[in-house]
Amino acid sequence: MEHTAHSESSSTFQPRRILVRGVNWLGDAVMTTPALLRLREQFPEALIALVTPEKLRGLWLHHPAVDEVITFKSDEGPLRVARKVQVMMWPDTEGKPTVAASAKRAADALSPLQRSGFDLAVILPNSPRSALESWLARVPRRLGYARPWRNFFLTNAVPSRPDTGHMRKRSVAEIKQLISATVPAANSPPAFRESDHQIYDYLHLVAALGANPEPLPTQLVVAPGEIKAAAQKFNLTSQFTNHRPVFGLNPGAEYGPAKRWPAQRFIAAAREIQKRTNCWWLVLGGKGDALLANEIQAAIAGGQAGAVSLAGRTSLRELCAVIKQCRVLLTNDTGPMHIAAALGTPVVVPFGSTSPELTGPITSAGARHQLLKSDAPCSPCFLRECPIDFRCMNGIAVERVVEAVMKAVS
């Protein structure tokens, strides 16, 4: 039977062990941190365990809202995840969580009917699978957004927020109509509000438990020792300790080429900024960005010192440590952008196919982020690839990006 979210917000409900099913993408995961912090604020004495893909484990080290992390690999199904929940967080005789020494062997032996030890599951993704996992683990209260094919697995199906703007992919026909319109104002891009931002979806969900729905800046934590270790590993100690500023450049974007400002513009902007500031550039990215990053690094350096490529060489924690040390990160709209903002590093971001109002960094007072858009009438289209002439990104000039970086570091 489904229940309303209201019943869970009662002050009499004080869960001791909360399971949070995290989201699957890096940038989205960072955007859940305000909701996790509000959940911790609402239940300060509860243990909060986060279920997350293995690739995102490092994101949650030292995080004040997370006590335990349970990971799964991409090839592990819902039943396997449910068994990990049951074994790894089985309560001891005092009611405190423990991690079984033989967790892997025991997971294979447990039945899904066995009790997990959690009082409540908060399910952040909207997928049927994420709700199924907590149902299989027999968490007695399971709260998530009401969606087709998954409401059966929820005890508290929370309705979507009313009247909010969300991503909607434009069709090719709509894009062509927008760019050929004689009266652009009549076909202007949607006017998103602050409350349309994705973090409010997560905040609304925990608010159903009585948590404060007001936004907070995203937050990640890096220890000083991690910065020192990363500097030593990548031979960056002199860069991190001398008087030349260290700037980061992240030219990739996992979602697709429509989110990527052209590489030659990154190069031109980086060269000009280096002339003005005498900065060191750290070119960042994942393994799939290594070739592009190496080309950009070589073009910036021009055979001389001044740029280092770390793309594909860092773990997630090392990436966080390096970004924390940067004065600014010039980046596309992608995961490292969210990491930087959550660590207090200013970002400069050319936006094309996506909208800063929906997925840009949440800023706090004094933040120096620079979020740039062109006047392309078809932007944002939310497509992976541009079906026309990429005018949204081509409309953001090198000079504009250079001035934005200078403003961010001033």
Foldseek 3Di string as FASTA:
>chain_A
DADALQVLQDPVDAWQEEEEEADAFQLRRLLLQQLLVLLCVVRVNHAYEYEYAPQCVLQCPPPPSHDYYHHDYPPDALLLSLLLLQQQQPADPVLHGHGDPPSVVVSVVDALVDARSTQEYEYEDPDLRSLVSVLSNCRPAYFDADDPPRSVSHRHHYHFDPPADDDDFDDPVLLVCQQPDPDNVVLFDDDHDLCNAPSLRSLVRCVSNVGDSDGDFRATDADPVLLVVLCVVQVNPCLLPDDAAEEEEEQDAVLADLQGQDLVLVLVLLLVLCVVRVHAYEYEEEPVCQVSSVVSQCSNQVPHGRYDYCYNPDRPSSLLSVLLSHQEYEYTLHSSQSSNRNSLRAYEYQGFQDDCSHSNGDDDPPHLHHYDWARSRCPNNNDRDDPDDSCTSVRCHSVNSNVSVVSRND
